Every structure is written in structure tokens, then in C-alpha cells.
Amino acid sequence: MSLYKGVHHILHPVPIENPSINYIVLACAMVFEGAAWYFAFTEFTKAKGKWGYFEAVQRGKDPSMFVVLFEDSAAMLGIIAAFIGILLSQVTKNYVYDGIASVVIGLILAGTAVWLAYEIKGLLIGESARPEVVKNVREIAKSYPKIKHVNEVLTLHMGPEFILLNLSVDFADTVSVGDIEETIARMDRHIKQTYSKIKRVFVEAEARHPAIAAT
């Protein structure tokens, strides 16, 4: 609608009857949205920890950590664009600027929506844990002497704080069933204590795959 109204005003510009009302509305919106943006930015800064801002958006598994900040940032940019468009229209008496501002606002909202969709699509369709988590889990499994080889380490985020882990390992041929059960139990505790987000661990005991052995 913002894009449509903007194009309409560009093709058929009309004077702004009372710009003072617009300025008052924009000023109030700036105050309220600015306060919301400040609180969202503060919470995002706390949640991101040691990561950089862009890294936190790319690697974060909790969309709520940045969705609110994105929305408030888009709103602030839209308010600024509206203010500039109205001001230029009033100063130059060229009311095309009002329509251009509306188009810019539409592009900001569309761009924000596309970016958010891109960043969270992995969580919607299923996303694996970070590469360093997978690597460290593999090292943990390798540290057990009764495990001859680790075939695959598969992970899936079921939620921001819930990771499902599936391990395919090749136990030594001389290991008894009791030893296998004990090793799996110890490894399960070890992994969950190291990574609290890993809630469920499934271990498959199978021979080393030829394709993996070749590597």
C-alpha cells in the first residue's frame, strides 16, 4: 500500500493541507518508536554476547533476539523518510517528494521483510548446530577408546535452546554389549554437560562406511 500510494502521489501530486499535524504525528512516533528501538537494541546487545552485531544475526538461533530490533529499525527509518519527504515538499512546493518518501518507506518495509525471511528460513525448515559444536561433539566421541571411528554427526535445532543430536559410530569389534551401553551412557552425559542446548542424543552403532573410510 505504501508503494501504491507513493506512485499515485508521484503521478498525481497534491498539496499537503496542514503539514503541522504531520510533524506532530511524526514527532510522537519518533519518541515512541525511538524508545522501543532503544530497549530492543539494549536487549539485543546483551543477548549477542561476544559476537558482533551482524554475526549475532547470522548465527543466532532465537529469531526474537533480532526480529523486534529489525522492525523498530525499519519503523525509525520510515519515520525519517516521511519527515524528509514532507519537509522537502513544503520547502520546494514540489509535492512529488511526498510520494517519493512513501515509495522509500515501502522499499524499507519490503527489504526488512526479505532480510528477516532470509535470516530465519533455516530455523523454519530445520537448521543444524554451528560447525564448531559439530566438530567438538565429534572430538568428544573420538575420545572414548571403545569407539573405533565416528561416521556421522547430525544435528537439528528443534528450537533456540533445543538441539537434537544423532551420532553414527563404529565400536571396536571386541567390545561387549554391556560396554557399548556404558560408553553410550557416559558419552550422553558428557555431551549434554558440555552443551546444555543438546537435549536428546541418539547413537547408532554401525560399521564404518566405505566412503568415509576412503577419506
Protein backbone atom coordinates (compact mmCIF):
# COMPACT_ATOMS: atom_id res chain seq x y z
CA MET A 1 0.00 0.00 0.00
CA SER A 2 2.88 2.35 0.75
CA LEU A 3 4.38 1.72 -2.69
CA TYR A 4 0.98 2.10 -4.37
CA LYS A 5 0.16 5.38 -2.61
CA GLY A 6 3.66 6.66 -3.30
CA VAL A 7 3.45 6.01 -7.03
CA HIS A 8 -0.05 7.52 -7.06
CA HIS A 9 1.21 10.73 -5.40
CA ILE A 10 4.16 10.93 -7.78
CA LEU A 11 1.85 10.70 -10.79
CA HIS A 12 -0.82 12.92 -9.23
CA PRO A 13 0.81 15.14 -6.58
CA VAL A 14 -1.50 17.05 -4.26
CA PRO A 15 -0.61 19.81 -1.76
CA ILE A 16 -0.25 18.96 1.92
CA GLU A 17 -3.09 20.85 3.60
CA ASN A 18 -1.70 21.10 7.13
CA PRO A 19 1.92 19.91 7.45
CA SER A 20 2.00 20.91 11.14
CA ILE A 21 -0.24 17.96 12.01
CA ASN A 22 2.11 15.65 10.12
CA TYR A 23 5.10 16.97 12.03
CA ILE A 24 3.33 16.46 15.37
CA VAL A 25 2.37 12.89 14.48
CA LEU A 26 5.89 12.11 13.25
CA ALA A 27 7.44 13.64 16.38
CA CYS A 28 5.24 11.49 18.64
CA ALA A 29 6.00 8.43 16.53
CA MET A 30 9.72 9.19 16.74
CA VAL A 31 9.57 9.36 20.54
CA PHE A 32 7.62 6.12 20.98
CA GLU A 33 9.47 4.16 18.30
CA GLY A 34 12.78 5.58 19.48
CA ALA A 35 12.13 4.32 23.00
CA ALA A 36 11.11 0.90 21.67
CA TRP A 37 14.21 0.79 19.46
CA TYR A 38 16.46 1.69 22.39
CA PHE A 39 15.10 -1.12 24.58
CA ALA A 40 15.27 -3.60 21.69
CA PHE A 41 18.86 -2.60 20.92
CA THR A 42 19.84 -2.88 24.59
CA GLU A 43 18.39 -6.39 24.86
CA PHE A 44 19.98 -7.42 21.58
CA THR A 45 23.38 -6.17 22.77
CA LYS A 46 23.04 -8.26 25.94
CA ALA A 47 21.88 -11.35 24.07
CA LYS A 48 24.56 -11.29 21.38
CA GLY A 49 27.35 -11.77 23.92
CA LYS A 50 30.82 -11.81 22.37
CA TRP A 51 29.53 -11.94 18.78
CA GLY A 52 29.49 -8.91 16.53
CA TYR A 53 26.12 -7.44 15.53
CA PHE A 54 25.96 -8.97 12.04
CA GLU A 55 27.43 -12.24 13.30
CA ALA A 56 24.77 -12.44 16.01
CA VAL A 57 22.01 -12.06 13.41
CA GLN A 58 23.54 -14.70 11.14
CA ARG A 59 24.41 -17.23 13.85
CA GLY A 60 21.64 -16.60 16.38
CA LYS A 61 19.06 -19.36 16.74
CA ASP A 62 16.43 -17.26 18.51
CA PRO A 63 14.58 -15.03 15.99
CA SER A 64 13.06 -12.95 18.79
CA MET A 65 16.58 -11.73 19.52
CA PHE A 66 16.67 -9.58 16.38
CA VAL A 67 13.17 -9.52 14.83
CA VAL A 68 11.96 -6.76 17.16
CA LEU A 69 15.12 -4.73 16.55
CA PHE A 70 14.69 -5.07 12.77
CA GLU A 71 11.06 -3.99 12.96
CA ASP A 72 11.82 -0.98 15.13
CA SER A 73 14.77 -0.01 12.92
CA ALA A 74 12.55 -0.15 9.83
CA ALA A 75 9.95 1.98 11.61
CA MET A 76 12.56 4.59 12.57
CA LEU A 77 13.90 4.76 9.01
CA GLY A 78 10.34 5.09 7.72
CA ILE A 79 9.62 7.99 10.07
CA ILE A 80 12.82 9.76 8.98
CA ALA A 81 11.94 9.22 5.31
CA ALA A 82 8.43 10.60 5.88
CA PHE A 83 9.80 13.67 7.68
CA ILE A 84 12.29 14.42 4.89
CA GLY A 85 9.62 13.95 2.22
CA ILE A 86 7.16 16.30 3.92
CA LEU A 87 9.87 18.88 4.63
CA LEU A 88 11.12 18.90 1.03
CA SER A 89 7.55 19.13 -0.26
CA GLN A 90 6.85 22.11 1.98
CA VAL A 91 10.11 23.93 1.22
CA THR A 92 10.21 23.35 -2.55
CA LYS A 93 6.43 23.30 -3.13
CA ASN A 94 7.08 20.20 -5.20
CA TYR A 95 4.75 17.59 -3.69
CA VAL A 96 6.33 14.76 -5.65
CA TYR A 97 8.75 14.39 -2.72
CA ASP A 98 5.87 13.22 -0.52
CA GLY A 99 5.19 10.39 -2.96
CA ILE A 100 8.88 9.53 -3.20
CA ALA A 101 9.04 9.29 0.60
CA SER A 102 6.12 6.86 0.56
CA VAL A 103 7.90 4.70 -2.04
CA VAL A 104 11.07 4.74 0.07
CA ILE A 105 9.07 3.62 3.12
CA GLY A 106 7.57 0.76 1.11
CA LEU A 107 11.03 -0.34 -0.04
CA ILE A 108 12.34 -0.21 3.55
CA LEU A 109 9.49 -2.42 4.78
CA ALA A 110 9.86 -4.84 1.87
CA GLY A 111 13.63 -5.01 2.33
CA THR A 112 13.25 -5.68 6.04
CA ALA A 113 10.73 -8.45 5.38
CA VAL A 114 13.04 -10.11 2.82
CA TRP A 115 16.03 -9.89 5.16
CA LEU A 116 14.07 -11.35 8.07
CA ALA A 117 12.77 -14.18 5.88
CA TYR A 118 16.32 -14.93 4.72
CA GLU A 119 17.73 -14.97 8.24
CA ILE A 120 15.08 -17.18 9.84
CA LYS A 121 14.23 -19.55 6.97
CA GLY A 122 16.81 -22.04 8.23
CA LEU A 123 15.04 -22.25 11.59
CA LEU A 124 11.67 -22.71 9.91
CA ILE A 125 12.77 -25.65 7.75
CA GLY A 126 15.36 -27.06 10.16
CA GLU A 127 18.90 -25.87 10.77
CA SER A 128 21.94 -27.71 12.04
CA ALA A 129 24.04 -26.62 15.01
CA ARG A 130 27.07 -24.41 14.48
CA PRO A 131 30.09 -26.09 12.83
CA GLU A 132 32.24 -25.77 15.95
CA VAL A 133 29.59 -27.60 18.01
CA VAL A 134 29.52 -30.46 15.49
CA LYS A 135 33.32 -30.58 15.44
CA ASN A 136 33.62 -30.66 19.23
CA VAL A 137 30.95 -33.35 19.56
CA ARG A 138 32.90 -35.47 17.09
CA GLU A 139 36.07 -34.98 19.17
CA ILE A 140 34.22 -35.97 22.34
CA ALA A 141 33.03 -39.19 20.70
CA LYS A 142 36.53 -39.93 19.40
CA SER A 143 37.96 -39.58 22.91
CA TYR A 144 36.29 -42.82 24.04
CA PRO A 145 38.71 -45.74 23.43
CA LYS A 146 35.93 -48.25 22.76
CA ILE A 147 34.79 -46.20 19.75
CA LYS A 148 36.90 -47.08 16.73
CA HIS A 149 35.52 -44.42 14.37
CA VAL A 150 32.87 -41.69 14.24
CA ASN A 151 30.91 -41.94 11.00
CA GLU A 152 28.42 -39.07 11.07
CA VAL A 153 27.39 -36.28 13.42
CA LEU A 154 23.94 -34.97 12.53
CA THR A 155 22.30 -32.11 14.44
CA LEU A 156 18.97 -30.32 14.17
CA HIS A 157 17.66 -27.26 16.01
CA MET A 158 14.18 -28.07 17.27
CA GLY A 159 14.12 -24.62 18.89
CA PRO A 160 16.53 -21.89 20.01
CA GLU A 161 17.51 -23.88 23.11
CA PHE A 162 16.88 -27.42 21.88
CA ILE A 163 19.31 -29.38 19.70
CA LEU A 164 18.70 -32.94 18.55
CA LEU A 165 21.90 -34.96 18.03
CA ASN A 166 22.33 -38.19 16.10
CA LEU A 167 25.71 -39.99 16.22
CA SER A 168 26.77 -42.84 13.99
CA VAL A 169 29.79 -44.61 15.49
CA ASP A 170 31.76 -47.79 14.86
CA PHE A 171 32.57 -49.62 18.08
CA ALA A 172 35.60 -51.87 18.39
CA ASP A 173 34.80 -55.46 17.43
CA THR A 174 35.89 -56.81 20.83
CA VAL A 175 33.56 -54.56 22.84
CA SER A 176 30.71 -56.31 24.64
CA VAL A 177 27.09 -55.17 24.68
CA GLY A 178 27.47 -54.06 28.28
CA ASP A 179 30.50 -51.92 27.38
CA ILE A 180 28.57 -50.36 24.49
CA GLU A 181 25.70 -49.41 26.79
CA GLU A 182 28.09 -47.94 29.36
CA THR A 183 30.00 -45.96 26.72
CA ILE A 184 26.81 -44.55 25.25
CA ALA A 185 25.54 -43.51 28.69
CA ARG A 186 28.83 -41.80 29.60
CA MET A 187 29.06 -40.08 26.24
CA ASP A 188 25.46 -38.90 26.51
CA ARG A 189 26.17 -37.24 29.88
CA HIS A 190 29.47 -35.82 28.63
CA ILE A 191 27.91 -34.16 25.57
CA LYS A 192 24.90 -32.75 27.47
CA GLN A 193 27.14 -31.34 30.20
CA THR A 194 29.36 -29.69 27.57
CA TYR A 195 26.44 -28.31 25.53
CA SER A 196 23.32 -27.67 27.56
CA LYS A 197 21.31 -26.97 24.40
CA ILE A 198 21.75 -30.58 23.27
CA LYS A 199 18.70 -32.19 24.90
CA ARG A 200 18.42 -35.52 23.08
CA VAL A 201 21.26 -37.78 21.88
CA PHE A 202 20.73 -40.81 19.68
CA VAL A 203 23.65 -43.15 18.98
CA GLU A 204 23.71 -45.60 16.08
CA ALA A 205 26.24 -48.42 16.25
CA GLU A 206 27.21 -49.32 12.71
CA ALA A 207 30.30 -50.32 10.78
CA ARG A 208 32.48 -47.70 9.22
CA HIS A 209 31.12 -46.67 5.83
CA PRO A 210 33.45 -47.42 2.87
CA ALA A 211 33.06 -43.89 1.53
CA ILE A 212 34.04 -42.41 4.89
CA ALA A 213 36.90 -44.88 5.30
CA ALA A 214 38.33 -43.74 1.98
CA THR A 215 38.54 -40.21 3.32
